[in-house]
Amino acid sequence: MSKQVKDMLVAEYNRRFAKAKGGVVIDIRGLNSSTTTKLRGALRASGIRTTVVRTALAKAAFKGHPLSTLEPALTGSSAVLYGPESSVDIARAIVKLADGIPDLKFRGASFDGEYYDGKVGVEKLSKLPTREEALSSVLGVVKAPGARLLGIVKEIQERLERGETISKAS
């Protein structure tokens, strides 16, 4: 392959992965075309893109990019899964789909600059909370004391409206 063609592929990878903050690398060797087509279709329906990459060119394109942490996973025939969602959502989707595809191999994943190796790493990533889930959890913890206080004030108000006296607990 000529240098010009390689440069064109690197430029295309840069364009495709420009907005990706993380991704998952899988090995789709050994899968028949019908399984691969179904897998890609199911991922596409979730907004996840699949790109089979030339490893040396992908490594060159990922330099200085959040996907550079995927370099250890880029060996042999590799497909990179990426999308607008978090890597956690991508890992959840592919782990769920992999149950029906025994020949699918996980190479690794990248999330927040951290590398998750192999099947164990991708499954671990799939169990992490997404940003939205983590924020809602934190918000619940922050709101809990206020909600409890509001409940106490409401109870006092209801007792006073019923004409009961409020005594100080000893």
C-alpha atoms as a PDB file:
ATOM      1  CA  MET A   1       0.000   0.000   0.000  1.00  0.00           C
ATOM      2  CA  SER A   2       1.466   3.368  -0.999  1.00  0.00           C
ATOM      3  CA  LYS A   3       2.184   6.147   1.495  1.00  0.00           C
ATOM      4  CA  GLN A   4      -0.524   8.308  -0.102  1.00  0.00           C
ATOM      5  CA  VAL A   5      -3.168   5.639   0.472  1.00  0.00           C
ATOM      6  CA  LYS A   6      -1.981   5.142   4.062  1.00  0.00           C
ATOM      7  CA  ASP A   7      -2.144   8.889   4.673  1.00  0.00           C
ATOM      8  CA  MET A   8      -5.682   8.947   3.273  1.00  0.00           C
ATOM      9  CA  LEU A   9      -6.731   6.109   5.611  1.00  0.00           C
ATOM     10  CA  VAL A  10      -5.176   7.833   8.637  1.00  0.00           C
ATOM     11  CA  ALA A  11      -7.031  11.045   7.700  1.00  0.00           C
ATOM     12  CA  GLU A  12     -10.286   9.072   7.389  1.00  0.00           C
ATOM     13  CA  TYR A  13      -9.740   7.451  10.803  1.00  0.00           C
ATOM     14  CA  ASN A  14      -9.087  10.907  12.281  1.00  0.00           C
ATOM     15  CA  ARG A  15     -12.357  12.145  10.776  1.00  0.00           C
ATOM     16  CA  ARG A  16     -14.407   9.145  11.921  1.00  0.00           C
ATOM     17  CA  PHE A  17     -13.081   9.006  15.453  1.00  0.00           C
ATOM     18  CA  ALA A  18     -12.802  12.786  16.001  1.00  0.00           C
ATOM     19  CA  LYS A  19     -15.649  12.955  18.543  1.00  0.00           C
ATOM     20  CA  ALA A  20     -15.056   9.574  20.182  1.00  0.00           C
ATOM     21  CA  LYS A  21     -14.022   9.830  23.829  1.00  0.00           C
ATOM     22  CA  GLY A  22     -13.572   6.097  24.235  1.00  0.00           C
ATOM     23  CA  GLY A  23     -14.431   2.818  22.607  1.00  0.00           C
ATOM     24  CA  VAL A  24     -14.303  -0.947  22.644  1.00  0.00           C
ATOM     25  CA  VAL A  25     -12.106  -3.138  20.443  1.00  0.00           C
ATOM     26  CA  ILE A  26     -13.354  -6.561  19.403  1.00  0.00           C
ATOM     27  CA  ASP A  27     -12.005  -9.327  17.197  1.00  0.00           C
ATOM     28  CA  ILE A  28     -14.601 -10.430  14.664  1.00  0.00           C
ATOM     29  CA  ARG A  29     -12.460 -13.084  13.004  1.00  0.00           C
ATOM     30  CA  GLY A  30     -14.221 -16.412  12.942  1.00  0.00           C
ATOM     31  CA  LEU A  31     -17.682 -14.885  12.694  1.00  0.00           C
ATOM     32  CA  ASN A  32     -19.686 -15.618   9.579  1.00  0.00           C
ATOM     33  CA  SER A  33     -21.021 -12.760   7.493  1.00  0.00           C
ATOM     34  CA  SER A  34     -24.610 -13.187   8.651  1.00  0.00           C
ATOM     35  CA  THR A  35     -23.601 -12.936  12.327  1.00  0.00           C
ATOM     36  CA  THR A  36     -21.391  -9.922  11.619  1.00  0.00           C
ATOM     37  CA  THR A  37     -24.211  -8.183   9.737  1.00  0.00           C
ATOM     38  CA  LYS A  38     -26.682  -8.818  12.581  1.00  0.00           C
ATOM     39  CA  LEU A  39     -24.140  -7.606  15.143  1.00  0.00           C
ATOM     40  CA  ARG A  40     -23.438  -4.402  13.218  1.00  0.00           C
ATOM     41  CA  GLY A  41     -27.167  -3.793  12.708  1.00  0.00           C
ATOM     42  CA  ALA A  42     -27.960  -4.244  16.393  1.00  0.00           C
ATOM     43  CA  LEU A  43     -25.131  -1.910  17.370  1.00  0.00           C
ATOM     44  CA  ARG A  44     -26.146   0.666  14.752  1.00  0.00           C
ATOM     45  CA  ALA A  45     -29.708   0.631  16.135  1.00  0.00           C
ATOM     46  CA  SER A  46     -28.188   1.698  19.475  1.00  0.00           C
ATOM     47  CA  GLY A  47     -26.219   4.496  17.819  1.00  0.00           C
ATOM     48  CA  ILE A  48     -22.928   2.597  18.016  1.00  0.00           C
ATOM     49  CA  ARG A  49     -20.650   2.585  14.978  1.00  0.00           C
ATOM     50  CA  THR A  50     -18.338  -0.277  14.018  1.00  0.00           C
ATOM     51  CA  THR A  51     -15.186   0.256  11.984  1.00  0.00           C
ATOM     52  CA  VAL A  52     -12.740  -2.478  11.044  1.00  0.00           C
ATOM     53  CA  VAL A  53      -9.316  -0.846  11.132  1.00  0.00           C
ATOM     54  CA  ARG A  54      -5.818  -1.530   9.943  1.00  0.00           C
ATOM     55  CA  THR A  55      -3.975  -1.695  13.236  1.00  0.00           C
ATOM     56  CA  ALA A  56      -0.774   0.189  12.345  1.00  0.00           C
ATOM     57  CA  LEU A  57      -2.745   2.990  10.699  1.00  0.00           C
ATOM     58  CA  ALA A  58      -5.231   3.178  13.589  1.00  0.00           C
ATOM     59  CA  LYS A  59      -2.349   3.455  16.059  1.00  0.00           C
ATOM     60  CA  ALA A  60      -0.948   6.339  14.001  1.00  0.00           C
ATOM     61  CA  ALA A  61      -4.363   8.050  13.834  1.00  0.00           C
ATOM     62  CA  PHE A  62      -5.024   7.634  17.573  1.00  0.00           C
ATOM     63  CA  LYS A  63      -1.789   9.327  18.721  1.00  0.00           C
ATOM     64  CA  GLY A  64      -2.702  12.263  20.963  1.00  0.00           C
ATOM     65  CA  HIS A  65      -6.369  11.223  20.892  1.00  0.00           C
ATOM     66  CA  PRO A  66      -8.469   9.765  23.754  1.00  0.00           C
ATOM     67  CA  LEU A  67      -8.510   6.471  21.831  1.00  0.00           C
ATOM     68  CA  SER A  68      -4.712   6.185  22.114  1.00  0.00           C
ATOM     69  CA  THR A  69      -5.240   4.099  25.262  1.00  0.00           C
ATOM     70  CA  LEU A  70      -6.662   1.370  23.001  1.00  0.00           C
ATOM     71  CA  GLU A  71      -3.238   0.727  21.462  1.00  0.00           C
ATOM     72  CA  PRO A  72      -2.596  -2.540  23.409  1.00  0.00           C
ATOM     73  CA  ALA A  73      -5.867  -3.943  22.006  1.00  0.00           C
ATOM     74  CA  LEU A  74      -4.994  -3.132  18.398  1.00  0.00           C
ATOM     75  CA  THR A  75      -3.377  -6.360  17.234  1.00  0.00           C
ATOM     76  CA  GLY A  76      -4.363  -8.353  14.203  1.00  0.00           C
ATOM     77  CA  SER A  77      -7.818  -7.893  12.760  1.00  0.00           C
ATOM     78  CA  SER A  78      -9.607  -5.346  14.943  1.00  0.00           C
ATOM     79  CA  ALA A  79     -12.984  -3.651  14.917  1.00  0.00           C
ATOM     80  CA  VAL A  80     -13.422  -0.460  16.941  1.00  0.00           C
ATOM     81  CA  LEU A  81     -16.854   0.247  18.411  1.00  0.00           C
ATOM     82  CA  TYR A  82     -17.514   3.912  19.114  1.00  0.00           C
ATOM     83  CA  GLY A  83     -20.346   6.375  19.253  1.00  0.00           C
ATOM     84  CA  PRO A  84     -21.797   9.440  20.879  1.00  0.00           C
ATOM     85  CA  GLU A  85     -22.590   7.471  24.017  1.00  0.00           C
ATOM     86  CA  SER A  86     -20.161   6.771  26.786  1.00  0.00           C
ATOM     87  CA  SER A  87     -17.868   3.750  26.525  1.00  0.00           C
ATOM     88  CA  VAL A  88     -19.906   2.264  29.364  1.00  0.00           C
ATOM     89  CA  ASP A  89     -23.017   2.214  27.139  1.00  0.00           C
ATOM     90  CA  ILE A  90     -21.014   0.668  24.303  1.00  0.00           C
ATOM     91  CA  ALA A  91     -19.582  -2.004  26.628  1.00  0.00           C
ATOM     92  CA  ARG A  92     -23.066  -2.778  27.981  1.00  0.00           C
ATOM     93  CA  ALA A  93     -24.467  -3.181  24.480  1.00  0.00           C
ATOM     94  CA  ILE A  94     -21.701  -5.447  23.193  1.00  0.00           C
ATOM     95  CA  VAL A  95     -21.624  -7.592  26.360  1.00  0.00           C
ATOM     96  CA  LYS A  96     -25.386  -8.101  26.053  1.00  0.00           C
ATOM     97  CA  LEU A  97     -25.103  -8.996  22.355  1.00  0.00           C
ATOM     98  CA  ALA A  98     -22.103 -11.287  22.930  1.00  0.00           C
ATOM     99  CA  ASP A  99     -24.203 -13.744  24.922  1.00  0.00           C
ATOM    100  CA  GLY A 100     -25.550 -15.135  21.647  1.00  0.00           C
ATOM    101  CA  ILE A 101     -22.203 -15.004  19.799  1.00  0.00           C
ATOM    102  CA  PRO A 102     -19.694 -17.415  21.381  1.00  0.00           C
ATOM    103  CA  ASP A 103     -16.927 -16.681  18.823  1.00  0.00           C
ATOM    104  CA  LEU A 104     -16.860 -12.942  19.563  1.00  0.00           C
ATOM    105  CA  LYS A 105     -13.659 -11.920  21.342  1.00  0.00           C
ATOM    106  CA  PHE A 106     -13.186  -8.762  23.377  1.00  0.00           C
ATOM    107  CA  ARG A 107      -9.770  -7.155  23.056  1.00  0.00           C
ATOM    108  CA  GLY A 108     -10.150  -4.156  25.337  1.00  0.00           C
ATOM    109  CA  ALA A 109     -11.859  -0.859  26.034  1.00  0.00           C
ATOM    110  CA  SER A 110     -11.027   2.741  26.832  1.00  0.00           C
ATOM    111  CA  PHE A 111     -12.916   4.992  29.224  1.00  0.00           C
ATOM    112  CA  ASP A 112     -11.760   8.305  30.677  1.00  0.00           C
ATOM    113  CA  GLY A 113      -8.169   7.633  29.624  1.00  0.00           C
ATOM    114  CA  GLU A 114      -8.110   4.254  31.357  1.00  0.00           C
ATOM    115  CA  TYR A 115      -7.583   0.964  29.521  1.00  0.00           C
ATOM    116  CA  TYR A 116      -9.679  -2.126  30.318  1.00  0.00           C
ATOM    117  CA  ASP A 117      -8.050  -5.296  29.022  1.00  0.00           C
ATOM    118  CA  GLY A 118      -9.830  -8.214  27.373  1.00  0.00           C
ATOM    119  CA  LYS A 119     -13.185  -9.730  28.168  1.00  0.00           C
ATOM    120  CA  VAL A 120     -12.839  -9.194  31.921  1.00  0.00           C
ATOM    121  CA  GLY A 121     -12.041  -5.513  31.384  1.00  0.00           C
ATOM    122  CA  VAL A 122     -14.945  -4.907  29.008  1.00  0.00           C
ATOM    123  CA  GLU A 123     -17.362  -6.675  31.366  1.00  0.00           C
ATOM    124  CA  LYS A 124     -16.009  -4.616  34.282  1.00  0.00           C
ATOM    125  CA  LEU A 125     -16.532  -1.421  32.263  1.00  0.00           C
ATOM    126  CA  SER A 126     -20.091  -2.475  31.399  1.00  0.00           C
ATOM    127  CA  LYS A 127     -20.934  -2.592  35.120  1.00  0.00           C
ATOM    128  CA  LEU A 128     -19.751   0.954  35.846  1.00  0.00           C
ATOM    129  CA  PRO A 129     -22.391   3.675  36.118  1.00  0.00           C
ATOM    130  CA  THR A 130     -22.679   6.098  33.224  1.00  0.00           C
ATOM    131  CA  ARG A 131     -22.143   9.790  33.894  1.00  0.00           C
ATOM    132  CA  GLU A 132     -25.909  10.365  34.097  1.00  0.00           C
ATOM    133  CA  GLU A 133     -26.393   7.455  36.520  1.00  0.00           C
ATOM    134  CA  ALA A 134     -23.549   8.680  38.735  1.00  0.00           C
ATOM    135  CA  LEU A 135     -24.932  12.233  38.773  1.00  0.00           C
ATOM    136  CA  SER A 136     -28.433  11.079  39.690  1.00  0.00           C
ATOM    137  CA  SER A 137     -26.978   8.958  42.494  1.00  0.00           C
ATOM    138  CA  VAL A 138     -25.019  11.925  43.862  1.00  0.00           C
ATOM    139  CA  LEU A 139     -28.075  14.151  43.529  1.00  0.00           C
ATOM    140  CA  GLY A 140     -30.131  11.652  45.541  1.00  0.00           C
ATOM    141  CA  VAL A 141     -27.549  11.674  48.327  1.00  0.00           C
ATOM    142  CA  VAL A 142     -27.467  15.481  48.354  1.00  0.00           C
ATOM    143  CA  LYS A 143     -31.264  15.796  48.399  1.00  0.00           C
ATOM    144  CA  ALA A 144     -31.888  13.197  51.141  1.00  0.00           C
ATOM    145  CA  PRO A 145     -31.173  15.373  54.224  1.00  0.00           C
ATOM    146  CA  GLY A 146     -33.314  18.216  52.845  1.00  0.00           C
ATOM    147  CA  ALA A 147     -36.177  15.842  52.111  1.00  0.00           C
ATOM    148  CA  ARG A 148     -36.006  14.458  55.644  1.00  0.00           C
ATOM    149  CA  LEU A 149     -36.055  17.953  57.139  1.00  0.00           C
ATOM    150  CA  LEU A 150     -38.981  18.902  54.916  1.00  0.00           C
ATOM    151  CA  GLY A 151     -40.849  15.810  56.160  1.00  0.00           C
ATOM    152  CA  ILE A 152     -40.344  16.864  59.776  1.00  0.00           C
ATOM    153  CA  VAL A 153     -41.541  20.430  59.075  1.00  0.00           C
ATOM    154  CA  LYS A 154     -44.593  19.074  57.233  1.00  0.00           C
ATOM    155  CA  GLU A 155     -45.444  16.780  60.175  1.00  0.00           C
ATOM    156  CA  ILE A 156     -45.235  19.728  62.617  1.00  0.00           C
ATOM    157  CA  GLN A 157     -47.492  21.804  60.338  1.00  0.00           C
ATOM    158  CA  GLU A 158     -50.097  19.009  60.128  1.00  0.00           C
ATOM    159  CA  ARG A 159     -50.125  18.540  63.910  1.00  0.00           C
ATOM    160  CA  LEU A 160     -50.568  22.264  64.489  1.00  0.00           C
ATOM    161  CA  GLU A 161     -53.411  22.382  61.940  1.00  0.00           C
ATOM    162  CA  ARG A 162     -55.162  19.570  63.836  1.00  0.00           C
ATOM    163  CA  GLY A 163     -54.790  21.584  67.044  1.00  0.00           C
ATOM    164  CA  GLU A 164     -52.304  19.262  68.692  1.00  0.00           C
ATOM    165  CA  THR A 165     -49.601  20.638  70.899  1.00  0.00           C
ATOM    166  CA  ILE A 166     -46.035  20.045  70.046  1.00  0.00           C
ATOM    167  CA  SER A 167     -43.938  18.923  72.979  1.00  0.00           C
ATOM    168  CA  LYS A 168     -40.208  18.881  73.159  1.00  0.00           C
ATOM    169  CA  ALA A 169     -38.794  15.353  73.127  1.00  0.00           C
ATOM    170  CA  SER A 170     -36.658  14.574  76.139  1.00  0.00           C
END
